[in-house]
C-alpha atoms as a PDB file:
ATOM      1  CA  MET A   1      22.467 -27.730  -1.806  1.00  0.00           C
ATOM      2  CA  ALA A   2      20.898 -29.541  -4.748  1.00  0.00           C
ATOM      3  CA  ASP A   3      17.184 -29.190  -5.458  1.00  0.00           C
ATOM      4  CA  ILE A   4      15.633 -32.506  -4.430  1.00  0.00           C
ATOM      5  CA  SER A   5      12.016 -31.777  -5.269  1.00  0.00           C
ATOM      6  CA  SER A   6      10.218 -34.873  -6.562  1.00  0.00           C
ATOM      7  CA  GLY A   7      10.089 -33.495 -10.080  1.00  0.00           C
ATOM      8  CA  SER A   8      13.847 -33.214 -10.406  1.00  0.00           C
ATOM      9  CA  MET A   9      15.102 -36.499  -8.984  1.00  0.00           C
ATOM     10  CA  PRO A  10      16.063 -39.716 -10.806  1.00  0.00           C
ATOM     11  CA  PHE A  11      13.403 -42.349 -11.388  1.00  0.00           C
ATOM     12  CA  PHE A  12      14.944 -44.741  -8.841  1.00  0.00           C
ATOM     13  CA  ILE A  13      15.109 -42.400  -5.831  1.00  0.00           C
ATOM     14  CA  ALA A  14      12.278 -43.990  -3.779  1.00  0.00           C
ATOM     15  CA  GLN A  15      13.208 -47.672  -4.008  1.00  0.00           C
ATOM     16  CA  ASN A  16      14.454 -48.258  -0.442  1.00  0.00           C
ATOM     17  CA  GLN A  17      11.023 -49.146   0.975  1.00  0.00           C
ATOM     18  CA  GLY A  18      11.524 -52.738   2.108  1.00  0.00           C
ATOM     19  CA  LEU A  19      11.882 -56.013   0.244  1.00  0.00           C
ATOM     20  CA  LEU A  20       9.301 -58.187  -1.504  1.00  0.00           C
ATOM     21  CA  GLN A  21       9.234 -61.521  -3.346  1.00  0.00           C
ATOM     22  CA  ALA A  22       9.100 -62.103  -7.104  1.00  0.00           C
ATOM     23  CA  GLY A  23       6.901 -64.510  -9.030  1.00  0.00           C
ATOM     24  CA  ASP A  24       7.676 -66.331 -12.280  1.00  0.00           C
ATOM     25  CA  ALA A  25       5.681 -63.730 -14.213  1.00  0.00           C
ATOM     26  CA  ASP A  26       8.215 -61.070 -13.226  1.00  0.00           C
ATOM     27  CA  ASP A  27      10.717 -62.525 -15.717  1.00  0.00           C
ATOM     28  CA  TYR A  28       8.296 -61.504 -18.480  1.00  0.00           C
ATOM     29  CA  LEU A  29       6.649 -58.275 -19.611  1.00  0.00           C
ATOM     30  CA  HIS A  30       4.250 -56.394 -17.322  1.00  0.00           C
ATOM     31  CA  PRO A  31       1.607 -54.937 -19.662  1.00  0.00           C
ATOM     32  CA  GLU A  32      -1.068 -54.421 -17.009  1.00  0.00           C
ATOM     33  CA  GLN A  33       1.209 -52.513 -14.644  1.00  0.00           C
ATOM     34  CA  ASN A  34       2.686 -50.580 -17.545  1.00  0.00           C
ATOM     35  CA  LYS A  35      -0.791 -49.380 -18.598  1.00  0.00           C
ATOM     36  CA  ALA A  36      -0.941 -47.297 -15.417  1.00  0.00           C
ATOM     37  CA  VAL A  37       1.975 -45.108 -16.596  1.00  0.00           C
ATOM     38  CA  PRO A  38       0.986 -42.751 -19.463  1.00  0.00           C
ATOM     39  CA  ASP A  39       4.429 -41.090 -19.679  1.00  0.00           C
ATOM     40  CA  ASP A  40       6.272 -41.526 -22.993  1.00  0.00           C
ATOM     41  CA  SER A  41       9.378 -42.484 -21.015  1.00  0.00           C
ATOM     42  CA  LEU A  42       7.662 -45.534 -19.470  1.00  0.00           C
ATOM     43  CA  SER A  43      10.300 -48.276 -19.405  1.00  0.00           C
ATOM     44  CA  GLU A  44      10.710 -52.002 -18.906  1.00  0.00           C
ATOM     45  CA  THR A  45      14.249 -53.351 -18.807  1.00  0.00           C
ATOM     46  CA  GLN A  46      16.372 -56.501 -18.603  1.00  0.00           C
ATOM     47  CA  TYR A  47      20.085 -56.224 -17.736  1.00  0.00           C
ATOM     48  CA  LEU A  48      22.621 -59.057 -17.976  1.00  0.00           C
ATOM     49  CA  GLY A  49      26.386 -58.849 -17.608  1.00  0.00           C
ATOM     50  CA  PHE A  50      29.481 -61.017 -17.390  1.00  0.00           C
ATOM     51  CA  SER A  51      33.214 -60.646 -16.894  1.00  0.00           C
ATOM     52  CA  VAL A  52      36.521 -62.412 -17.373  1.00  0.00           C
ATOM     53  CA  PRO A  53      38.497 -60.601 -14.662  1.00  0.00           C
ATOM     54  CA  GLU A  54      41.869 -62.214 -15.382  1.00  0.00           C
ATOM     55  CA  ALA A  55      41.664 -60.866 -18.951  1.00  0.00           C
ATOM     56  CA  GLY A  56      40.235 -57.469 -17.952  1.00  0.00           C
ATOM     57  CA  ILE A  57      36.958 -58.165 -19.792  1.00  0.00           C
ATOM     58  CA  HIS A  58      33.580 -56.792 -18.765  1.00  0.00           C
ATOM     59  CA  SER A  59      30.214 -56.371 -20.484  1.00  0.00           C
ATOM     60  CA  TYR A  60      26.803 -54.768 -20.539  1.00  0.00           C
ATOM     61  CA  SER A  61      23.762 -56.260 -22.296  1.00  0.00           C
ATOM     62  CA  TYR A  62      20.314 -54.696 -22.268  1.00  0.00           C
ATOM     63  CA  MET A  63      16.700 -54.845 -23.313  1.00  0.00           C
ATOM     64  CA  TRP A  64      15.149 -51.410 -22.750  1.00  0.00           C
ATOM     65  CA  HIS A  65      11.531 -51.322 -23.907  1.00  0.00           C
ATOM     66  CA  ARG A  66       9.491 -48.131 -24.093  1.00  0.00           C
ATOM     67  CA  PRO A  67       5.961 -49.569 -24.486  1.00  0.00           C
ATOM     68  CA  ASN A  68       4.217 -46.241 -25.013  1.00  0.00           C
ATOM     69  CA  LEU A  69       6.512 -45.477 -27.952  1.00  0.00           C
ATOM     70  CA  GLY A  70       6.799 -49.014 -29.334  1.00  0.00           C
ATOM     71  CA  VAL A  71      10.605 -48.887 -29.410  1.00  0.00           C
ATOM     72  CA  ILE A  72      13.521 -50.795 -27.904  1.00  0.00           C
ATOM     73  CA  THR A  73      17.049 -49.711 -27.088  1.00  0.00           C
ATOM     74  CA  GLY A  74      19.311 -52.687 -26.641  1.00  0.00           C
ATOM     75  CA  GLY A  75      22.064 -55.048 -27.557  1.00  0.00           C
ATOM     76  CA  THR A  76      25.474 -55.566 -26.024  1.00  0.00           C
ATOM     77  CA  PHE A  77      28.945 -54.158 -25.648  1.00  0.00           C
ATOM     78  CA  VAL A  78      31.960 -56.088 -24.361  1.00  0.00           C
ATOM     79  CA  PHE A  79      35.199 -54.302 -23.599  1.00  0.00           C
ATOM     80  CA  GLN A  80      38.699 -55.223 -22.489  1.00  0.00           C
ATOM     81  CA  GLY A  81      40.607 -52.800 -20.296  1.00  0.00           C
ATOM     82  CA  ILE A  82      39.833 -49.098 -19.997  1.00  0.00           C
ATOM     83  CA  LYS A  83      38.113 -47.396 -22.917  1.00  0.00           C
ATOM     84  CA  GLN A  84      37.774 -43.699 -23.546  1.00  0.00           C
ATOM     85  CA  TRP A  85      34.790 -44.222 -25.855  1.00  0.00           C
ATOM     86  CA  MET A  86      32.173 -46.954 -26.060  1.00  0.00           C
ATOM     87  CA  VAL A  87      32.839 -47.480 -29.781  1.00  0.00           C
ATOM     88  CA  GLN A  88      36.314 -48.746 -28.870  1.00  0.00           C
ATOM     89  CA  SER A  89      34.747 -51.842 -27.280  1.00  0.00           C
ATOM     90  CA  GLU A  90      35.738 -55.191 -28.770  1.00  0.00           C
ATOM     91  CA  ILE A  91      32.000 -55.806 -29.229  1.00  0.00           C
ATOM     92  CA  CYS A  92      29.965 -52.630 -29.685  1.00  0.00           C
ATOM     93  CA  ASP A  93      26.432 -53.293 -30.890  1.00  0.00           C
ATOM     94  CA  MET A  94      23.940 -51.283 -28.843  1.00  0.00           C
ATOM     95  CA  ARG A  95      21.050 -50.061 -31.036  1.00  0.00           C
ATOM     96  CA  THR A  96      19.107 -46.977 -29.917  1.00  0.00           C
ATOM     97  CA  PHE A  97      15.862 -47.087 -31.914  1.00  0.00           C
ATOM     98  CA  MET A  98      14.454 -50.502 -32.802  1.00  0.00           C
ATOM     99  CA  ASN A  99      10.838 -51.432 -33.393  1.00  0.00           C
ATOM    100  CA  ASP A 100       9.561 -53.606 -30.525  1.00  0.00           C
ATOM    101  CA  ARG A 101       8.480 -56.457 -32.824  1.00  0.00           C
ATOM    102  CA  PRO A 102      11.212 -58.796 -31.416  1.00  0.00           C
ATOM    103  CA  ILE A 103       9.328 -58.959 -28.088  1.00  0.00           C
ATOM    104  CA  GLU A 104       5.770 -59.103 -29.460  1.00  0.00           C
ATOM    105  CA  ASN A 105       5.591 -62.648 -28.029  1.00  0.00           C
ATOM    106  CA  ASP A 106       7.002 -61.502 -24.681  1.00  0.00           C
ATOM    107  CA  LEU A 107      10.459 -62.276 -23.287  1.00  0.00           C
ATOM    108  CA  HIS A 108      10.259 -66.075 -23.473  1.00  0.00           C
ATOM    109  CA  GLU A 109      12.752 -65.956 -26.331  1.00  0.00           C
ATOM    110  CA  TYR A 110      13.635 -62.909 -28.384  1.00  0.00           C
ATOM    111  CA  ARG A 111      16.333 -61.875 -30.830  1.00  0.00           C
ATOM    112  CA  TYR A 112      17.207 -58.494 -32.295  1.00  0.00           C
ATOM    113  CA  ASP A 113      18.212 -58.008 -35.916  1.00  0.00           C
ATOM    114  CA  ASN A 114      21.795 -57.448 -34.722  1.00  0.00           C
ATOM    115  CA  GLY A 115      22.048 -61.045 -33.479  1.00  0.00           C
ATOM    116  CA  TYR A 116      21.584 -60.420 -29.726  1.00  0.00           C
ATOM    117  CA  GLY A 117      19.033 -62.610 -27.956  1.00  0.00           C
ATOM    118  CA  VAL A 118      17.887 -64.018 -24.619  1.00  0.00           C
ATOM    119  CA  LYS A 119      15.833 -67.104 -23.830  1.00  0.00           C
ATOM    120  CA  VAL A 120      14.165 -67.724 -20.468  1.00  0.00           C
ATOM    121  CA  ILE A 121      14.744 -71.448 -19.952  1.00  0.00           C
ATOM    122  CA  GLU A 122      13.239 -71.462 -16.450  1.00  0.00           C
ATOM    123  CA  PRO A 123      11.834 -68.185 -15.072  1.00  0.00           C
ATOM    124  CA  LEU A 124      13.811 -66.678 -12.202  1.00  0.00           C
ATOM    125  CA  LYS A 125      16.293 -69.566 -12.388  1.00  0.00           C
ATOM    126  CA  HIS A 126      17.953 -70.006 -15.786  1.00  0.00           C
ATOM    127  CA  LEU A 127      18.476 -67.735 -18.816  1.00  0.00           C
ATOM    128  CA  HIS A 128      20.450 -68.284 -22.018  1.00  0.00           C
ATOM    129  CA  GLN A 129      22.136 -65.282 -23.684  1.00  0.00           C
ATOM    130  CA  THR A 130      23.564 -65.368 -27.213  1.00  0.00           C
ATOM    131  CA  TYR A 131      25.043 -62.988 -29.752  1.00  0.00           C
ATOM    132  CA  ASP A 132      26.635 -63.602 -33.132  1.00  0.00           C
ATOM    133  CA  ASP A 133      28.534 -61.249 -35.457  1.00  0.00           C
ATOM    134  CA  PRO A 134      30.474 -63.464 -37.867  1.00  0.00           C
ATOM    135  CA  ALA A 135      31.816 -60.517 -39.872  1.00  0.00           C
ATOM    136  CA  ARG A 136      33.846 -59.337 -36.866  1.00  0.00           C
ATOM    137  CA  LYS A 137      34.432 -62.830 -35.415  1.00  0.00           C
ATOM    138  CA  ASN A 138      32.459 -61.952 -32.290  1.00  0.00           C
ATOM    139  CA  SER A 139      30.039 -64.197 -30.396  1.00  0.00           C
ATOM    140  CA  ILE A 140      28.503 -64.794 -26.962  1.00  0.00           C
ATOM    141  CA  ASP A 141      27.011 -68.040 -25.622  1.00  0.00           C
ATOM    142  CA  LEU A 142      26.266 -67.889 -21.903  1.00  0.00           C
ATOM    143  CA  HIS A 143      24.015 -69.489 -19.304  1.00  0.00           C
ATOM    144  CA  TYR A 144      22.855 -67.506 -16.260  1.00  0.00           C
ATOM    145  CA  ARG A 145      21.771 -69.620 -13.278  1.00  0.00           C
ATOM    146  CA  ALA A 146      20.283 -68.147 -10.110  1.00  0.00           C
ATOM    147  CA  LEU A 147      22.116 -68.311  -6.784  1.00  0.00           C
ATOM    148  CA  CYS A 148      19.099 -67.125  -4.785  1.00  0.00           C
ATOM    149  CA  PRO A 149      15.544 -65.882  -5.405  1.00  0.00           C
ATOM    150  CA  PRO A 150      15.211 -62.378  -6.914  1.00  0.00           C
ATOM    151  CA  ILE A 151      15.296 -59.518  -4.444  1.00  0.00           C
ATOM    152  CA  VAL A 152      12.406 -57.143  -5.145  1.00  0.00           C
ATOM    153  CA  PHE A 153      12.437 -53.610  -3.808  1.00  0.00           C
ATOM    154  CA  GLY A 154       9.409 -52.395  -1.894  1.00  0.00           C
ATOM    155  CA  GLY A 155       8.030 -50.425  -4.818  1.00  0.00           C
ATOM    156  CA  GLY A 156       7.328 -53.779  -6.487  1.00  0.00           C
ATOM    157  CA  LYS A 157       8.694 -52.675  -9.882  1.00  0.00           C
ATOM    158  CA  HIS A 158      12.328 -53.752  -9.781  1.00  0.00           C
ATOM    159  CA  PHE A 159      14.329 -56.834  -8.832  1.00  0.00           C
ATOM    160  CA  GLU A 160      17.983 -57.823  -8.631  1.00  0.00           C
ATOM    161  CA  GLN A 161      19.405 -61.344  -8.543  1.00  0.00           C
ATOM    162  CA  PRO A 162      22.879 -62.849  -8.064  1.00  0.00           C
ATOM    163  CA  MET A 163      23.683 -65.261 -10.889  1.00  0.00           C
ATOM    164  CA  LYS A 164      26.369 -67.777 -11.827  1.00  0.00           C
ATOM    165  CA  VAL A 165      27.438 -67.217 -15.443  1.00  0.00           C
ATOM    166  CA  THR A 166      29.165 -69.881 -17.550  1.00  0.00           C
ATOM    167  CA  GLY A 167      29.957 -70.305 -21.237  1.00  0.00           C
ATOM    168  CA  GLU A 168      32.189 -68.520 -23.710  1.00  0.00           C
ATOM    169  CA  VAL A 169      32.762 -65.224 -25.468  1.00  0.00           C
ATOM    170  CA  VAL A 170      34.732 -64.758 -28.667  1.00  0.00           C
ATOM    171  CA  LEU A 171      36.251 -61.292 -29.191  1.00  0.00           C
ATOM    172  CA  ARG A 172      37.700 -60.581 -32.631  1.00  0.00           C
ATOM    173  CA  GLY A 173      38.443 -64.271 -33.052  1.00  0.00           C
ATOM    174  CA  THR A 174      39.942 -64.909 -29.591  1.00  0.00           C
ATOM    175  CA  ARG A 175      37.945 -67.287 -27.396  1.00  0.00           C
ATOM    176  CA  TYR A 176      37.591 -66.749 -23.627  1.00  0.00           C
ATOM    177  CA  GLU A 177      35.937 -69.100 -21.149  1.00  0.00           C
ATOM    178  CA  VAL A 178      33.431 -67.351 -18.903  1.00  0.00           C
ATOM    179  CA  ASP A 179      33.001 -68.588 -15.321  1.00  0.00           C
ATOM    180  CA  CYS A 180      31.912 -65.661 -13.169  1.00  0.00           C
ATOM    181  CA  TYR A 181      29.180 -64.118 -11.080  1.00  0.00           C
ATOM    182  CA  ASN A 182      26.825 -61.287 -12.012  1.00  0.00           C
ATOM    183  CA  VAL A 183      23.913 -59.452 -10.402  1.00  0.00           C
ATOM    184  CA  ARG A 184      21.245 -59.060 -13.064  1.00  0.00           C
ATOM    185  CA  ASP A 185      18.236 -56.786 -12.780  1.00  0.00           C
ATOM    186  CA  ARG A 186      14.753 -56.096 -14.181  1.00  0.00           C
ATOM    187  CA  SER A 187      12.557 -52.989 -13.972  1.00  0.00           C
ATOM    188  CA  TRP A 188       9.043 -52.250 -15.185  1.00  0.00           C
ATOM    189  CA  ALA A 189       6.167 -49.748 -14.952  1.00  0.00           C
ATOM    190  CA  LYS A 190       8.506 -46.799 -14.356  1.00  0.00           C
ATOM    191  CA  PRO A 191       8.983 -43.548 -16.229  1.00  0.00           C
ATOM    192  CA  ARG A 192      12.606 -42.686 -17.075  1.00  0.00           C
ATOM    193  CA  PRO A 193      12.568 -39.003 -17.996  1.00  0.00           C
ATOM    194  CA  GLU A 194      15.647 -37.542 -19.669  1.00  0.00           C
ATOM    195  CA  THR A 195      15.495 -34.382 -17.550  1.00  0.00           C
ATOM    196  CA  PRO A 196      18.931 -33.106 -16.470  1.00  0.00           C
ATOM    197  CA  MET A 197      19.449 -33.990 -12.800  1.00  0.00           C
ATOM    198  CA  PRO A 198      21.080 -31.510 -10.368  1.00  0.00           C
ATOM    199  CA  THR A 199      22.770 -34.284  -8.384  1.00  0.00           C
ATOM    200  CA  PRO A 200      26.181 -35.795  -7.718  1.00  0.00           C
ATOM    201  CA  PRO A 201      27.111 -39.137  -9.314  1.00  0.00           C
ATOM    202  CA  VAL A 202      25.073 -42.130  -8.213  1.00  0.00           C
ATOM    203  CA  SER A 203      26.770 -45.532  -7.970  1.00  0.00           C
ATOM    204  CA  TRP A 204      25.063 -48.903  -8.542  1.00  0.00           C
ATOM    205  CA  MET A 205      27.477 -51.387  -6.954  1.00  0.00           C
ATOM    206  CA  THR A 206      27.301 -55.173  -6.986  1.00  0.00           C
ATOM    207  CA  GLY A 207      29.588 -57.962  -5.865  1.00  0.00           C
ATOM    208  CA  VAL A 208      29.304 -61.740  -5.398  1.00  0.00           C
ATOM    209  CA  PHE A 209      31.953 -63.306  -3.151  1.00  0.00           C
ATOM    210  CA  ASP A 210      30.615 -66.847  -3.458  1.00  0.00           C
ATOM    211  CA  ALA A 211      27.354 -68.714  -4.063  1.00  0.00           C
ATOM    212  CA  GLY A 212      26.014 -67.615  -0.662  1.00  0.00           C
ATOM    213  CA  TYR A 213      27.381 -64.105  -0.222  1.00  0.00           C
ATOM    214  CA  ALA A 214      26.531 -61.066  -2.357  1.00  0.00           C
ATOM    215  CA  PHE A 215      25.677 -57.395  -2.038  1.00  0.00           C
ATOM    216  CA  ASN A 216      24.135 -54.542  -3.969  1.00  0.00           C
ATOM    217  CA  CYS A 217      23.815 -50.868  -3.173  1.00  0.00           C
ATOM    218  CA  SER A 218      22.937 -47.625  -4.939  1.00  0.00           C
ATOM    219  CA  VAL A 219      24.239 -44.467  -3.250  1.00  0.00           C
ATOM    220  CA  PHE A 220      25.015 -40.913  -4.322  1.00  0.00           C
ATOM    221  CA  ASP A 221      28.403 -39.292  -3.698  1.00  0.00           C
ATOM    222  CA  GLN A 222      28.543 -37.837  -0.192  1.00  0.00           C
ATOM    223  CA  PRO A 223      30.494 -34.721   0.841  1.00  0.00           C
ATOM    224  CA  GLU A 224      32.291 -36.487   3.705  1.00  0.00           C
ATOM    225  CA  GLY A 225      33.766 -38.927   1.196  1.00  0.00           C
ATOM    226  CA  ASN A 226      34.333 -36.403  -1.549  1.00  0.00           C
ATOM    227  CA  PRO A 227      35.456 -33.012  -0.200  1.00  0.00           C
ATOM    228  CA  GLU A 228      35.655 -31.613  -3.752  1.00  0.00           C
ATOM    229  CA  LEU A 229      31.889 -32.059  -4.245  1.00  0.00           C
ATOM    230  CA  PRO A 230      30.331 -28.636  -5.010  1.00  0.00           C
ATOM    231  CA  ALA A 231      27.479 -27.537  -2.769  1.00  0.00           C
ATOM    232  CA  GLU A 232      25.048 -27.007  -5.655  1.00  0.00           C
ATOM    233  CA  VAL A 233      25.108 -30.734  -6.480  1.00  0.00           C
ATOM    234  CA  THR A 234      25.306 -32.014  -2.896  1.00  0.00           C
ATOM    235  CA  LEU A 235      22.376 -33.921  -1.406  1.00  0.00           C
ATOM    236  CA  PRO A 236      21.380 -34.023   2.281  1.00  0.00           C
ATOM    237  CA  PRO A 237      22.989 -37.087   3.923  1.00  0.00           C
ATOM    238  CA  GLU A 238      19.612 -38.733   4.521  1.00  0.00           C
ATOM    239  CA  ARG A 239      18.875 -38.679   0.776  1.00  0.00           C
ATOM    240  CA  THR A 240      22.102 -40.223  -0.506  1.00  0.00           C
ATOM    241  CA  LEU A 241      21.190 -43.889   0.062  1.00  0.00           C
ATOM    242  CA  VAL A 242      18.895 -45.089  -2.719  1.00  0.00           C
ATOM    243  CA  ALA A 243      18.560 -48.808  -1.994  1.00  0.00           C
ATOM    244  CA  GLY A 244      20.573 -51.938  -1.344  1.00  0.00           C
ATOM    245  CA  TRP A 245      20.790 -55.380   0.229  1.00  0.00           C
ATOM    246  CA  ILE A 246      23.157 -58.008   1.623  1.00  0.00           C
ATOM    247  CA  TRP A 247      22.622 -61.710   0.815  1.00  0.00           C
ATOM    248  CA  ARG A 248      24.487 -63.985   3.208  1.00  0.00           C
ATOM    249  CA  ASP A 249      23.904 -67.357   4.887  1.00  0.00           C
ATOM    250  CA  GLY A 250      20.519 -67.727   3.210  1.00  0.00           C
ATOM    251  CA  GLN A 251      19.182 -64.386   4.464  1.00  0.00           C
ATOM    252  CA  VAL A 252      18.667 -61.125   2.633  1.00  0.00           C
ATOM    253  CA  GLY A 253      18.679 -57.857   4.549  1.00  0.00           C
ATOM    254  CA  ARG A 254      17.873 -54.381   3.300  1.00  0.00           C
ATOM    255  CA  ILE A 255      20.741 -51.895   3.665  1.00  0.00           C
ATOM    256  CA  VAL A 256      19.743 -49.065   5.988  1.00  0.00           C
ATOM    257  CA  GLU A 257      23.043 -47.152   6.267  1.00  0.00           C
ATOM    258  CA  ALA A 258      25.762 -46.621   3.672  1.00  0.00           C
ATOM    259  CA  THR A 259      28.809 -44.428   3.152  1.00  0.00           C
ATOM    260  CA  LYS A 260      31.247 -44.275   0.257  1.00  0.00           C
ATOM    261  CA  ARG A 261      34.486 -42.535  -0.540  1.00  0.00           C
ATOM    262  CA  VAL A 262      35.519 -42.291  -4.179  1.00  0.00           C
ATOM    263  CA  THR A 263      38.847 -41.651  -5.869  1.00  0.00           C
ATOM    264  CA  ARG A 264      38.155 -40.158  -9.303  1.00  0.00           C
ATOM    265  CA  ASP A 265      40.143 -39.515 -12.453  1.00  0.00           C
ATOM    266  CA  PRO A 266      40.772 -35.756 -12.411  1.00  0.00           C
ATOM    267  CA  VAL A 267      40.055 -35.453 -16.142  1.00  0.00           C
ATOM    268  CA  ASN A 268      36.877 -37.450 -16.822  1.00  0.00           C
ATOM    269  CA  LEU A 269      35.752 -38.113 -13.190  1.00  0.00           C
ATOM    270  CA  ARG A 270      35.608 -41.890 -13.749  1.00  0.00           C
ATOM    271  CA  ALA A 271      35.900 -43.803 -10.451  1.00  0.00           C
ATOM    272  CA  LEU A 272      39.353 -45.303  -9.941  1.00  0.00           C
ATOM    273  CA  GLY A 273      38.785 -46.634  -6.432  1.00  0.00           C
ATOM    274  CA  MET A 274      36.035 -46.947  -3.860  1.00  0.00           C
ATOM    275  CA  GLU A 275      35.708 -47.402  -0.094  1.00  0.00           C
ATOM    276  CA  PHE A 276      32.218 -48.534   0.868  1.00  0.00           C
ATOM    277  CA  GLN A 277      30.687 -49.305   4.251  1.00  0.00           C
ATOM    278  CA  ALA A 278      27.121 -50.450   4.870  1.00  0.00           C
ATOM    279  CA  ARG A 279      24.858 -51.943   7.534  1.00  0.00           C
ATOM    280  CA  ASP A 280      21.661 -53.886   6.861  1.00  0.00           C
ATOM    281  CA  GLU A 281      18.461 -54.216   8.866  1.00  0.00           C
ATOM    282  CA  LEU A 282      19.772 -57.466  10.388  1.00  0.00           C
ATOM    283  CA  GLY A 283      22.755 -55.621  11.846  1.00  0.00           C
ATOM    284  CA  ARG A 284      25.286 -57.134   9.430  1.00  0.00           C
ATOM    285  CA  GLU A 285      28.065 -54.872   8.209  1.00  0.00           C
ATOM    286  CA  LEU A 286      30.107 -54.555   5.029  1.00  0.00           C
ATOM    287  CA  ASP A 287      33.476 -52.843   4.719  1.00  0.00           C
ATOM    288  CA  VAL A 288      34.511 -53.052   1.072  1.00  0.00           C
ATOM    289  CA  ARG A 289      37.480 -51.687  -0.870  1.00  0.00           C
ATOM    290  CA  GLY A 290      37.242 -51.543  -4.649  1.00  0.00           C
ATOM    291  CA  THR A 291      39.753 -50.947  -7.451  1.00  0.00           C
ATOM    292  CA  LEU A 292      39.057 -50.454 -11.151  1.00  0.00           C
ATOM    293  CA  VAL A 293      39.794 -53.376 -13.499  1.00  0.00           C
ATOM    294  CA  ALA A 294      38.021 -52.364 -16.727  1.00  0.00           C
ATOM    295  CA  SER A 295      35.746 -49.510 -17.745  1.00  0.00           C
ATOM    296  CA  CYS A 296      33.737 -48.114 -20.637  1.00  0.00           C
ATOM    297  CA  PRO A 297      31.396 -45.098 -20.843  1.00  0.00           C
ATOM    298  CA  TRP A 298      27.856 -45.430 -22.192  1.00  0.00           C
ATOM    299  CA  GLN A 299      26.112 -42.279 -23.416  1.00  0.00           C
ATOM    300  CA  THR A 300      22.748 -43.667 -22.328  1.00  0.00           C
ATOM    301  CA  TRP A 301      20.950 -40.602 -23.612  1.00  0.00           C
ATOM    302  CA  HIS A 302      22.239 -37.152 -24.472  1.00  0.00           C
ATOM    303  CA  ASN A 303      21.748 -35.604 -21.030  1.00  0.00           C
ATOM    304  CA  THR A 304      23.684 -38.187 -19.037  1.00  0.00           C
ATOM    305  CA  ILE A 305      26.654 -40.514 -19.172  1.00  0.00           C
ATOM    306  CA  ILE A 306      27.112 -43.804 -17.347  1.00  0.00           C
ATOM    307  CA  PHE A 307      30.509 -45.337 -16.665  1.00  0.00           C
ATOM    308  CA  ILE A 308      30.271 -49.138 -16.722  1.00  0.00           C
ATOM    309  CA  VAL A 309      33.108 -50.404 -14.524  1.00  0.00           C
ATOM    310  CA  LEU A 310      34.344 -53.837 -13.467  1.00  0.00           C
ATOM    311  CA  MET A 311      35.576 -53.538  -9.897  1.00  0.00           C
ATOM    312  CA  ARG A 312      37.740 -55.844  -7.814  1.00  0.00           C
ATOM    313  CA  TRP A 313      36.191 -55.786  -4.352  1.00  0.00           C
ATOM    314  CA  GLU A 314      37.960 -56.850  -1.132  1.00  0.00           C
ATOM    315  CA  CYS A 315      36.055 -57.521   2.091  1.00  0.00           C
ATOM    316  CA  ASP A 316      37.157 -59.509   5.169  1.00  0.00           C
ATOM    317  CA  GLY A 317      39.901 -61.258   3.219  1.00  0.00           C
ATOM    318  CA  ARG A 318      37.540 -62.207   0.385  1.00  0.00           C
ATOM    319  CA  VAL A 319      37.686 -61.015  -3.217  1.00  0.00           C
ATOM    320  CA  ALA A 320      34.745 -60.412  -5.526  1.00  0.00           C
ATOM    321  CA  TYR A 321      34.341 -58.874  -8.962  1.00  0.00           C
ATOM    322  CA  GLY A 322      31.272 -56.912  -9.889  1.00  0.00           C
ATOM    323  CA  ASP A 323      29.646 -53.863 -11.376  1.00  0.00           C
ATOM    324  CA  LEU A 324      30.144 -50.250 -10.542  1.00  0.00           C
ATOM    325  CA  GLN A 325      27.724 -48.386 -12.787  1.00  0.00           C
ATOM    326  CA  GLU A 326      27.791 -44.632 -12.210  1.00  0.00           C
ATOM    327  CA  ALA A 327      25.336 -42.142 -13.706  1.00  0.00           C
ATOM    328  CA  MET A 328      26.412 -38.496 -14.013  1.00  0.00           C
ATOM    329  CA  TRP A 329      24.633 -35.397 -15.318  1.00  0.00           C
ATOM    330  CA  GLY A 330      25.809 -32.094 -16.758  1.00  0.00           C
ATOM    331  CA  ASP A 331      25.217 -30.012 -13.619  1.00  0.00           C
ATOM    332  CA  TYR A 332      27.832 -32.112 -11.797  1.00  0.00           C
ATOM    333  CA  PHE A 333      30.456 -31.815 -14.554  1.00  0.00           C
ATOM    334  CA  ASN A 334      29.885 -28.061 -14.887  1.00  0.00           C
ATOM    335  CA  ALA A 335      30.043 -27.505 -11.131  1.00  0.00           C
ATOM    336  CA  MET A 336      33.278 -29.493 -10.883  1.00  0.00           C
ATOM    337  CA  ALA A 337      34.779 -27.532 -13.806  1.00  0.00           C
ATOM    338  CA  ALA A 338      33.831 -24.218 -12.177  1.00  0.00           C
ATOM    339  CA  ARG A 339      35.390 -25.311  -8.902  1.00  0.00           C
ATOM    340  CA  ALA A 340      38.625 -26.236 -10.681  1.00  0.00           C
ATOM    341  CA  GLU A 341      38.758 -22.805 -12.337  1.00  0.00           C
ATOM    342  CA  VAL A 342      38.347 -21.056  -8.968  1.00  0.00           C
ATOM    343  CA  ARG A 343      41.267 -23.046  -7.533  1.00  0.00           C
END
C-alpha cells in the first residue's frame, strides 16, 4: 500500500471539504494569502482550454506564477489528434522560466513575450484569450463566458467554472471556428512541491453537456477498476476521491462517492477509455463513459508527466466533450514495469 503520509501526497489531496463562493477579486492575484506560504513552490495559476471536437483539436493554456521566485511558467499548446510528444503540437509555445513582469499590474490584462495573453473583461463572467505567432501562421482569438458562478472548494484556494468558448483558432494557416464548452480553473496560496509521489495516476475530469449541466471530479486509480495496479502504488479506497461537483438545474452538489475504471495503452499508460460513476451530496448520480479523441503529454516538471486528453463523454443519452488530465509519477511507471516483467 502506498505511503499516504501528509508529506508525500500531492498538493491537492485535501480539497474535498465542502463548497464556497467566489468574489470578483478571485479572478486576480492573491498577494495577501500568498504571503502566508513561505515555500519556494508557492503557486498561483490560471487554466483555460478549448476544443474543436469534430476536427480532433484540443488545447491547454496556462499562467503558473511562483511569487516567491518571481517566475512564470506559461503559454499555450494546441494539438490535433494523438501526439507522442508535446513538441509535435500544431501550436507548442509553453515557456518554463519567464520573469513575472507581465503580471506586475495583476491579471487584468497581461501578455507574455511569446504573444500569449488574457484579459479579464468582467471578473468571473467574461475573459478574452489571444495568441499570435505570425511566423508559423498560428493564432488564437477566443472569448470565455461563464455558464454559472465559480465553484470554490472548501479550502478556499481553488475554483472551477464551466464556460462557453467562442471565436477562432488558426493552426499552420488553417482556420477553425471554436464553439465549445470548457471548465476553467484558478488556484492560489498553495505550495506545489516537485517531490516524487508514490501514488497511482490521478484524473482531473470535466464535461459540460449543455449550459445547465456540467461535472468535474478528481480521483486516483482504484484497484477494483484497475486490477493491474501494483500494491505499492495503491491507495486506500477512502483516499482515492480528491474532489468534485455536479452542476445541474441551477444547483451545485459536492461529489461524495466516485469510482472509475480505466482502459490504458499498454505501452505509455495513456488513458484510452474511462467508466466513471459518482454521487453528489444531493443524491444525484452520474454514470459516464468516455473515449479518447485527442491527447498530448506535458512534462510539467521532470518528476511527473501529465497527459492532456480530450474525451468524448456519454451519459444518459447525452454527449459532452471535456478534459481528462492525468498526472503520473515515476513510482507508478516503475511498479507497472516490474509487474510486467514478473508476468
